[in-house]
Amino acid sequence: MHLELERITEADLSPSELKEHQIYLQLLALSPALEERLCTGSDQEIYYVADMITRGASSARSDDTKSLKSALIDMITPKNGVLTPPIQRNVKTDRGFHHPRTGELLCPVNLNWGDPKIQRELSSGQLVPSGDLWPLFLYSGHSWNPENPWTGLFRGRLLVSAYKHVFTSPSSVDGNESRATRSCNARIHGMKTVTIPSIAYIATQVRFALSSSPTFSRTDTVTDSEYFYNLVIELLEDPEERVEVDDLLKWWN
């Protein structure tokens, strides 16, 4: 409000306040009448609007989590092949570092999943990767170049498949966009291009779907999902990484 009244400028805002202001502007773009309602509504009405936005975001995230929980198994199963041992669709106890396929995809790039000792320590919980270690599934071809960490980063096939599943349609994962029977999430929400937050969101969802954690929670210290998401955002919005990020977004779009 102070910005609109020109009592302050964006330069007066802290980084977190500036981020919140940008999110607010994006909300206004989706719902132009929102600003008037917030300015003229009672405290009770404002609390109601905030509660509905929070509920909507939580519901959408829950739907995506539930959908990817099962769909991810098909995405990581070799074409015309099977997973050995098989992975349950509705229970996650056999995922994460307890399964060779999900364990390999979740393994931090600086660790060697092919080392039995590393596998044992990750599976037992003796070794717990923090959210600031990029998992292998983020990379194209599951290949990490330590001399150039940007090579293939956020271009993994699984990441792309999950993005299509959530934002276009489940059928589009296999290239069958024509089978969709309703408007996709991207069209509903006016998304015309792939965005930094949407890449970070899908990366976080895939990371959780691969894990053995049963419930998506911001306070989960095992998956550390909120920390992971914020790190992806921080990297992709870093001005010093502008050239690489622009190239990445161009690739996605």
C-alpha atoms as a PDB file:
ATOM      1  CA  MET A   1       0.000   0.000   0.000  1.00  0.00           C
ATOM      2  CA  HIS A   2       2.822   2.414   0.870  1.00  0.00           C
ATOM      3  CA  LEU A   3       4.362   1.706  -2.532  1.00  0.00           C
ATOM      4  CA  GLU A   4       1.137   2.565  -4.340  1.00  0.00           C
ATOM      5  CA  LEU A   5       0.885   5.809  -2.374  1.00  0.00           C
ATOM      6  CA  GLU A   6       4.545   6.515  -3.204  1.00  0.00           C
ATOM      7  CA  ARG A   7       5.442   6.861   0.450  1.00  0.00           C
ATOM      8  CA  ILE A   8       8.295   4.448  -0.164  1.00  0.00           C
ATOM      9  CA  THR A   9      10.009   2.925  -3.210  1.00  0.00           C
ATOM     10  CA  GLU A  10      11.099  -0.626  -3.987  1.00  0.00           C
ATOM     11  CA  ALA A  11      14.621   0.422  -3.002  1.00  0.00           C
ATOM     12  CA  ASP A  12      13.359   0.848   0.589  1.00  0.00           C
ATOM     13  CA  LEU A  13      12.209  -2.788   0.776  1.00  0.00           C
ATOM     14  CA  SER A  14      14.267  -5.622   2.177  1.00  0.00           C
ATOM     15  CA  PRO A  15      14.903  -8.613  -0.157  1.00  0.00           C
ATOM     16  CA  SER A  16      12.151 -10.628   1.544  1.00  0.00           C
ATOM     17  CA  GLU A  17       9.698  -7.706   1.388  1.00  0.00           C
ATOM     18  CA  LEU A  18      10.503  -7.160  -2.289  1.00  0.00           C
ATOM     19  CA  LYS A  19       9.849 -10.831  -2.989  1.00  0.00           C
ATOM     20  CA  GLU A  20       6.503 -10.657  -1.172  1.00  0.00           C
ATOM     21  CA  HIS A  21       5.593  -7.543  -3.149  1.00  0.00           C
ATOM     22  CA  GLN A  22       6.368  -9.313  -6.430  1.00  0.00           C
ATOM     23  CA  ILE A  23       4.165 -12.229  -5.406  1.00  0.00           C
ATOM     24  CA  TYR A  24       1.411  -9.772  -4.516  1.00  0.00           C
ATOM     25  CA  LEU A  25       1.625  -8.197  -7.983  1.00  0.00           C
ATOM     26  CA  GLN A  26       1.363 -11.648  -9.550  1.00  0.00           C
ATOM     27  CA  LEU A  27      -1.779 -12.298  -7.503  1.00  0.00           C
ATOM     28  CA  LEU A  28      -3.276  -9.035  -8.726  1.00  0.00           C
ATOM     29  CA  ALA A  29      -2.547 -10.082 -12.306  1.00  0.00           C
ATOM     30  CA  LEU A  30      -4.563 -13.251 -11.718  1.00  0.00           C
ATOM     31  CA  SER A  31      -7.352 -11.462  -9.853  1.00  0.00           C
ATOM     32  CA  PRO A  32      -7.526  -7.715 -10.648  1.00  0.00           C
ATOM     33  CA  ALA A  33     -10.453  -7.177  -8.254  1.00  0.00           C
ATOM     34  CA  LEU A  34      -8.417  -8.462  -5.326  1.00  0.00           C
ATOM     35  CA  GLU A  35      -6.711  -5.133  -4.590  1.00  0.00           C
ATOM     36  CA  GLU A  36      -9.961  -3.224  -4.182  1.00  0.00           C
ATOM     37  CA  ARG A  37     -11.352  -5.896  -1.903  1.00  0.00           C
ATOM     38  CA  LEU A  38      -8.248  -5.795   0.280  1.00  0.00           C
ATOM     39  CA  CYS A  39      -8.338  -1.992   0.437  1.00  0.00           C
ATOM     40  CA  THR A  40     -12.031  -1.662   1.231  1.00  0.00           C
ATOM     41  CA  GLY A  41     -12.773  -4.885   3.093  1.00  0.00           C
ATOM     42  CA  SER A  42     -12.993  -5.357   6.833  1.00  0.00           C
ATOM     43  CA  ASP A  43     -10.279  -7.167   8.798  1.00  0.00           C
ATOM     44  CA  GLN A  44     -12.495 -10.254   8.812  1.00  0.00           C
ATOM     45  CA  GLU A  45     -12.836 -10.163   5.016  1.00  0.00           C
ATOM     46  CA  ILE A  46      -9.070  -9.754   4.583  1.00  0.00           C
ATOM     47  CA  TYR A  47      -8.408 -12.728   6.868  1.00  0.00           C
ATOM     48  CA  TYR A  48     -10.950 -14.712   4.860  1.00  0.00           C
ATOM     49  CA  VAL A  49      -9.195 -13.903   1.559  1.00  0.00           C
ATOM     50  CA  ALA A  50      -5.798 -14.836   3.009  1.00  0.00           C
ATOM     51  CA  ASP A  51      -7.218 -18.088   4.368  1.00  0.00           C
ATOM     52  CA  MET A  52      -8.781 -19.004   1.019  1.00  0.00           C
ATOM     53  CA  ILE A  53      -5.513 -18.332  -0.845  1.00  0.00           C
ATOM     54  CA  THR A  54      -3.593 -20.462   1.644  1.00  0.00           C
ATOM     55  CA  ARG A  55      -6.149 -23.260   1.431  1.00  0.00           C
ATOM     56  CA  GLY A  56      -6.120 -23.146  -2.356  1.00  0.00           C
ATOM     57  CA  ALA A  57      -2.339 -23.367  -2.552  1.00  0.00           C
ATOM     58  CA  SER A  58      -2.259 -26.198  -0.024  1.00  0.00           C
ATOM     59  CA  SER A  59      -4.988 -28.109  -1.866  1.00  0.00           C
ATOM     60  CA  ALA A  60      -3.245 -27.757  -5.237  1.00  0.00           C
ATOM     61  CA  ARG A  61       0.068 -28.882  -3.770  1.00  0.00           C
ATOM     62  CA  SER A  62      -1.617 -31.867  -2.129  1.00  0.00           C
ATOM     63  CA  ASP A  63      -3.277 -32.869  -5.402  1.00  0.00           C
ATOM     64  CA  ASP A  64       0.040 -32.684  -7.252  1.00  0.00           C
ATOM     65  CA  THR A  65       1.814 -34.672  -4.546  1.00  0.00           C
ATOM     66  CA  LYS A  66      -0.817 -37.397  -4.633  1.00  0.00           C
ATOM     67  CA  SER A  67      -0.843 -37.559  -8.431  1.00  0.00           C
ATOM     68  CA  LEU A  68       2.938 -37.743  -8.791  1.00  0.00           C
ATOM     69  CA  LYS A  69       3.209 -40.371  -6.076  1.00  0.00           C
ATOM     70  CA  SER A  70       1.857 -43.004  -8.450  1.00  0.00           C
ATOM     71  CA  ALA A  71       2.750 -41.490 -11.832  1.00  0.00           C
ATOM     72  CA  LEU A  72       6.411 -41.228 -10.930  1.00  0.00           C
ATOM     73  CA  ILE A  73       6.741 -45.012 -10.883  1.00  0.00           C
ATOM     74  CA  ASP A  74       5.823 -45.170 -14.560  1.00  0.00           C
ATOM     75  CA  MET A  75       8.259 -42.355 -15.301  1.00  0.00           C
ATOM     76  CA  ILE A  76      11.244 -44.141 -13.747  1.00  0.00           C
ATOM     77  CA  THR A  77      10.415 -47.611 -15.064  1.00  0.00           C
ATOM     78  CA  PRO A  78      12.606 -48.530 -18.068  1.00  0.00           C
ATOM     79  CA  LYS A  79      10.689 -48.607 -21.349  1.00  0.00           C
ATOM     80  CA  ASN A  80       9.378 -52.130 -21.974  1.00  0.00           C
ATOM     81  CA  GLY A  81      10.997 -53.122 -18.687  1.00  0.00           C
ATOM     82  CA  VAL A  82      10.240 -53.487 -14.985  1.00  0.00           C
ATOM     83  CA  LEU A  83      11.599 -52.169 -11.722  1.00  0.00           C
ATOM     84  CA  THR A  84      13.449 -54.727  -9.634  1.00  0.00           C
ATOM     85  CA  PRO A  85      12.320 -54.983  -6.933  1.00  0.00           C
ATOM     86  CA  PRO A  86       8.888 -53.507  -7.737  1.00  0.00           C
ATOM     87  CA  ILE A  87       7.796 -50.286  -6.016  1.00  0.00           C
ATOM     88  CA  GLN A  88       4.404 -49.928  -4.365  1.00  0.00           C
ATOM     89  CA  ARG A  89       2.225 -47.145  -5.713  1.00  0.00           C
ATOM     90  CA  ASN A  90       0.390 -46.188  -2.538  1.00  0.00           C
ATOM     91  CA  VAL A  91       3.066 -46.781   0.098  1.00  0.00           C
ATOM     92  CA  LYS A  92       6.443 -45.044   0.082  1.00  0.00           C
ATOM     93  CA  THR A  93       8.403 -47.126   2.566  1.00  0.00           C
ATOM     94  CA  ASP A  94      10.287 -48.913  -0.220  1.00  0.00           C
ATOM     95  CA  ARG A  95      11.387 -45.706  -1.958  1.00  0.00           C
ATOM     96  CA  GLY A  96      14.174 -43.274  -1.207  1.00  0.00           C
ATOM     97  CA  PHE A  97      17.536 -44.821  -0.503  1.00  0.00           C
ATOM     98  CA  HIS A  98      15.851 -48.177   0.198  1.00  0.00           C
ATOM     99  CA  HIS A  99      15.450 -48.894  -3.521  1.00  0.00           C
ATOM    100  CA  PRO A 100      18.248 -48.998  -6.117  1.00  0.00           C
ATOM    101  CA  ARG A 101      16.369 -46.908  -8.693  1.00  0.00           C
ATOM    102  CA  THR A 102      15.000 -44.135  -6.477  1.00  0.00           C
ATOM    103  CA  GLY A 103      18.204 -44.168  -4.451  1.00  0.00           C
ATOM    104  CA  GLU A 104      20.314 -43.562  -7.544  1.00  0.00           C
ATOM    105  CA  LEU A 105      18.090 -40.670  -8.667  1.00  0.00           C
ATOM    106  CA  LEU A 106      18.142 -39.065  -5.215  1.00  0.00           C
ATOM    107  CA  CYS A 107      21.838 -39.595  -4.600  1.00  0.00           C
ATOM    108  CA  PRO A 108      23.737 -36.294  -4.288  1.00  0.00           C
ATOM    109  CA  VAL A 109      25.964 -35.726  -7.280  1.00  0.00           C
ATOM    110  CA  ASN A 110      29.071 -35.525  -5.114  1.00  0.00           C
ATOM    111  CA  LEU A 111      28.525 -39.088  -3.860  1.00  0.00           C
ATOM    112  CA  ASN A 112      29.017 -42.327  -5.776  1.00  0.00           C
ATOM    113  CA  TRP A 113      25.829 -44.409  -5.632  1.00  0.00           C
ATOM    114  CA  GLY A 114      27.771 -47.288  -7.167  1.00  0.00           C
ATOM    115  CA  ASP A 115      29.771 -47.577  -3.945  1.00  0.00           C
ATOM    116  CA  PRO A 116      28.071 -50.225  -1.697  1.00  0.00           C
ATOM    117  CA  LYS A 117      29.309 -48.389   1.395  1.00  0.00           C
ATOM    118  CA  ILE A 118      27.595 -45.175   0.294  1.00  0.00           C
ATOM    119  CA  GLN A 119      24.393 -47.102  -0.430  1.00  0.00           C
ATOM    120  CA  ARG A 120      24.418 -48.706   3.027  1.00  0.00           C
ATOM    121  CA  GLU A 121      25.058 -45.427   4.824  1.00  0.00           C
ATOM    122  CA  LEU A 122      22.318 -43.608   2.899  1.00  0.00           C
ATOM    123  CA  SER A 123      19.827 -46.435   3.367  1.00  0.00           C
ATOM    124  CA  SER A 124      20.515 -46.765   7.102  1.00  0.00           C
ATOM    125  CA  GLY A 125      20.315 -43.038   7.706  1.00  0.00           C
ATOM    126  CA  GLN A 126      23.901 -42.906   8.879  1.00  0.00           C
ATOM    127  CA  LEU A 127      24.481 -40.487   6.013  1.00  0.00           C
ATOM    128  CA  VAL A 128      21.739 -37.856   5.593  1.00  0.00           C
ATOM    129  CA  PRO A 129      22.183 -35.498   2.610  1.00  0.00           C
ATOM    130  CA  SER A 130      21.182 -31.907   3.264  1.00  0.00           C
ATOM    131  CA  GLY A 131      18.905 -29.923   0.991  1.00  0.00           C
ATOM    132  CA  ASP A 132      21.824 -28.031  -0.551  1.00  0.00           C
ATOM    133  CA  LEU A 133      23.176 -31.124  -2.333  1.00  0.00           C
ATOM    134  CA  TRP A 134      21.700 -31.495  -5.822  1.00  0.00           C
ATOM    135  CA  PRO A 135      20.245 -34.957  -6.525  1.00  0.00           C
ATOM    136  CA  LEU A 136      21.217 -36.734  -9.735  1.00  0.00           C
ATOM    137  CA  PHE A 137      17.715 -36.628 -11.277  1.00  0.00           C
ATOM    138  CA  LEU A 138      18.101 -32.874 -11.852  1.00  0.00           C
ATOM    139  CA  TYR A 139      20.751 -33.512 -14.499  1.00  0.00           C
ATOM    140  CA  SER A 140      20.280 -34.449 -18.128  1.00  0.00           C
ATOM    141  CA  GLY A 141      21.401 -38.018 -18.668  1.00  0.00           C
ATOM    142  CA  HIS A 142      22.005 -38.258 -14.908  1.00  0.00           C
ATOM    143  CA  SER A 143      25.479 -36.946 -15.587  1.00  0.00           C
ATOM    144  CA  TRP A 144      27.247 -34.334 -13.450  1.00  0.00           C
ATOM    145  CA  ASN A 145      30.276 -32.419 -14.629  1.00  0.00           C
ATOM    146  CA  PRO A 146      32.202 -31.179 -11.559  1.00  0.00           C
ATOM    147  CA  GLU A 147      34.177 -28.764 -13.755  1.00  0.00           C
ATOM    148  CA  ASN A 148      30.957 -27.157 -15.017  1.00  0.00           C
ATOM    149  CA  PRO A 149      28.063 -27.877 -12.613  1.00  0.00           C
ATOM    150  CA  TRP A 150      25.593 -26.043 -14.883  1.00  0.00           C
ATOM    151  CA  THR A 151      25.974 -28.626 -17.649  1.00  0.00           C
ATOM    152  CA  GLY A 152      22.592 -30.382 -17.890  1.00  0.00           C
ATOM    153  CA  LEU A 153      21.347 -28.959 -14.565  1.00  0.00           C
ATOM    154  CA  PHE A 154      17.512 -28.777 -14.316  1.00  0.00           C
ATOM    155  CA  ARG A 155      17.208 -30.513 -17.681  1.00  0.00           C
ATOM    156  CA  GLY A 156      16.706 -34.069 -16.465  1.00  0.00           C
ATOM    157  CA  ARG A 157      14.143 -36.185 -18.338  1.00  0.00           C
ATOM    158  CA  LEU A 158      12.284 -37.049 -15.123  1.00  0.00           C
ATOM    159  CA  LEU A 159      11.981 -33.354 -14.241  1.00  0.00           C
ATOM    160  CA  VAL A 160      10.554 -32.564 -17.680  1.00  0.00           C
ATOM    161  CA  SER A 161       8.091 -35.468 -17.509  1.00  0.00           C
ATOM    162  CA  ALA A 162       6.845 -34.397 -14.087  1.00  0.00           C
ATOM    163  CA  TYR A 163       6.498 -30.791 -15.292  1.00  0.00           C
ATOM    164  CA  LYS A 164       4.322 -31.917 -18.196  1.00  0.00           C
ATOM    165  CA  HIS A 165       2.291 -34.170 -15.890  1.00  0.00           C
ATOM    166  CA  VAL A 166       1.408 -31.284 -13.567  1.00  0.00           C
ATOM    167  CA  PHE A 167       1.189 -28.263 -15.858  1.00  0.00           C
ATOM    168  CA  THR A 168      -0.029 -29.628 -19.199  1.00  0.00           C
ATOM    169  CA  SER A 169      -1.592 -33.060 -18.696  1.00  0.00           C
ATOM    170  CA  PRO A 170      -0.610 -36.600 -17.642  1.00  0.00           C
ATOM    171  CA  SER A 171      -1.105 -37.762 -21.238  1.00  0.00           C
ATOM    172  CA  SER A 172       1.335 -35.120 -22.532  1.00  0.00           C
ATOM    173  CA  VAL A 173       4.188 -36.947 -20.779  1.00  0.00           C
ATOM    174  CA  ASP A 174       4.104 -39.452 -23.632  1.00  0.00           C
ATOM    175  CA  GLY A 175       3.503 -36.755 -26.238  1.00  0.00           C
ATOM    176  CA  ASN A 176      -0.275 -37.307 -26.446  1.00  0.00           C
ATOM    177  CA  GLU A 177      -1.511 -33.760 -25.782  1.00  0.00           C
ATOM    178  CA  SER A 178      -4.602 -34.450 -27.909  1.00  0.00           C
ATOM    179  CA  ARG A 179      -5.903 -36.908 -25.314  1.00  0.00           C
ATOM    180  CA  ALA A 180      -6.418 -34.185 -22.707  1.00  0.00           C
ATOM    181  CA  THR A 181     -10.116 -33.738 -21.904  1.00  0.00           C
ATOM    182  CA  ARG A 182      -9.925 -30.465 -19.936  1.00  0.00           C
ATOM    183  CA  SER A 183      -7.889 -27.290 -19.774  1.00  0.00           C
ATOM    184  CA  CYS A 184      -4.431 -27.806 -18.365  1.00  0.00           C
ATOM    185  CA  ASN A 185      -3.200 -26.086 -15.196  1.00  0.00           C
ATOM    186  CA  ALA A 186      -0.893 -23.821 -17.199  1.00  0.00           C
ATOM    187  CA  ARG A 187      -3.768 -22.495 -19.331  1.00  0.00           C
ATOM    188  CA  ILE A 188      -6.114 -22.147 -16.348  1.00  0.00           C
ATOM    189  CA  HIS A 189      -3.591 -19.991 -14.480  1.00  0.00           C
ATOM    190  CA  GLY A 190      -2.454 -17.991 -17.494  1.00  0.00           C
ATOM    191  CA  MET A 191       1.011 -19.542 -17.677  1.00  0.00           C
ATOM    192  CA  LYS A 192       2.471 -18.921 -21.125  1.00  0.00           C
ATOM    193  CA  THR A 193       6.092 -19.736 -20.347  1.00  0.00           C
ATOM    194  CA  VAL A 194       8.055 -21.943 -17.967  1.00  0.00           C
ATOM    195  CA  THR A 195       9.028 -19.900 -14.901  1.00  0.00           C
ATOM    196  CA  ILE A 196      11.723 -20.143 -12.263  1.00  0.00           C
ATOM    197  CA  PRO A 197       9.242 -20.847  -9.418  1.00  0.00           C
ATOM    198  CA  SER A 198       7.525 -23.565 -11.467  1.00  0.00           C
ATOM    199  CA  ILE A 199      10.838 -25.356 -12.103  1.00  0.00           C
ATOM    200  CA  ALA A 200      11.698 -25.144  -8.400  1.00  0.00           C
ATOM    201  CA  TYR A 201       8.211 -26.414  -7.474  1.00  0.00           C
ATOM    202  CA  ILE A 202       8.392 -29.466  -9.728  1.00  0.00           C
ATOM    203  CA  ALA A 203      11.957 -30.256  -8.662  1.00  0.00           C
ATOM    204  CA  THR A 204      10.774 -30.214  -5.037  1.00  0.00           C
ATOM    205  CA  GLN A 205       7.747 -32.381  -5.828  1.00  0.00           C
ATOM    206  CA  VAL A 206       9.832 -34.970  -7.708  1.00  0.00           C
ATOM    207  CA  ARG A 207      12.415 -35.072  -4.937  1.00  0.00           C
ATOM    208  CA  PHE A 208       9.672 -35.744  -2.413  1.00  0.00           C
ATOM    209  CA  ALA A 209       7.953 -38.355  -4.628  1.00  0.00           C
ATOM    210  CA  LEU A 210      11.220 -40.279  -4.921  1.00  0.00           C
ATOM    211  CA  SER A 211      11.784 -40.181  -1.159  1.00  0.00           C
ATOM    212  CA  SER A 212      10.417 -42.576   1.440  1.00  0.00           C
ATOM    213  CA  SER A 213       8.864 -39.755   3.495  1.00  0.00           C
ATOM    214  CA  PRO A 214       5.110 -40.396   3.784  1.00  0.00           C
ATOM    215  CA  THR A 215       3.890 -36.827   4.288  1.00  0.00           C
ATOM    216  CA  PHE A 216       4.843 -33.570   2.573  1.00  0.00           C
ATOM    217  CA  SER A 217       5.685 -31.151   5.359  1.00  0.00           C
ATOM    218  CA  ARG A 218       7.580 -27.884   5.520  1.00  0.00           C
ATOM    219  CA  THR A 219       9.086 -28.984   8.832  1.00  0.00           C
ATOM    220  CA  ASP A 220      10.272 -32.387   7.596  1.00  0.00           C
ATOM    221  CA  THR A 221      13.975 -32.425   8.439  1.00  0.00           C
ATOM    222  CA  VAL A 222      14.584 -35.586   6.395  1.00  0.00           C
ATOM    223  CA  THR A 223      13.564 -34.310   2.960  1.00  0.00           C
ATOM    224  CA  ASP A 224      14.180 -30.670   3.928  1.00  0.00           C
ATOM    225  CA  SER A 225      11.793 -29.700   1.125  1.00  0.00           C
ATOM    226  CA  GLU A 226      11.346 -26.023   1.984  1.00  0.00           C
ATOM    227  CA  TYR A 227      15.097 -25.503   2.257  1.00  0.00           C
ATOM    228  CA  PHE A 228      15.636 -27.309  -1.053  1.00  0.00           C
ATOM    229  CA  TYR A 229      12.967 -25.223  -2.822  1.00  0.00           C
ATOM    230  CA  ASN A 230      14.389 -21.959  -1.508  1.00  0.00           C
ATOM    231  CA  LEU A 231      17.894 -22.948  -2.609  1.00  0.00           C
ATOM    232  CA  VAL A 232      16.696 -23.635  -6.150  1.00  0.00           C
ATOM    233  CA  ILE A 233      14.946 -20.251  -6.227  1.00  0.00           C
ATOM    234  CA  GLU A 234      18.011 -18.539  -4.796  1.00  0.00           C
ATOM    235  CA  LEU A 235      20.277 -20.058  -7.453  1.00  0.00           C
ATOM    236  CA  LEU A 236      17.970 -19.357 -10.391  1.00  0.00           C
ATOM    237  CA  GLU A 237      17.369 -15.755  -9.285  1.00  0.00           C
ATOM    238  CA  ASP A 238      21.029 -15.021  -8.585  1.00  0.00           C
ATOM    239  CA  PRO A 239      22.093 -12.110 -10.846  1.00  0.00           C
ATOM    240  CA  GLU A 240      25.535 -13.682 -11.200  1.00  0.00           C
ATOM    241  CA  GLU A 241      23.937 -16.744 -12.816  1.00  0.00           C
ATOM    242  CA  ARG A 242      21.851 -14.706 -15.291  1.00  0.00           C
ATOM    243  CA  VAL A 243      23.528 -16.044 -18.453  1.00  0.00           C
ATOM    244  CA  GLU A 244      23.099 -19.694 -17.443  1.00  0.00           C
ATOM    245  CA  VAL A 245      19.535 -19.162 -16.213  1.00  0.00           C
ATOM    246  CA  ASP A 246      18.493 -17.336 -19.383  1.00  0.00           C
ATOM    247  CA  ASP A 247      19.875 -20.235 -21.399  1.00  0.00           C
ATOM    248  CA  LEU A 248      18.013 -22.692 -19.174  1.00  0.00           C
ATOM    249  CA  LEU A 249      14.670 -20.898 -19.559  1.00  0.00           C
ATOM    250  CA  LYS A 250      15.205 -20.658 -23.290  1.00  0.00           C
ATOM    251  CA  TRP A 251      15.753 -24.423 -23.364  1.00  0.00           C
ATOM    252  CA  TRP A 252      12.567 -25.091 -21.380  1.00  0.00           C
ATOM    253  CA  ASN A 253      10.454 -22.756 -23.460  1.00  0.00           C
END
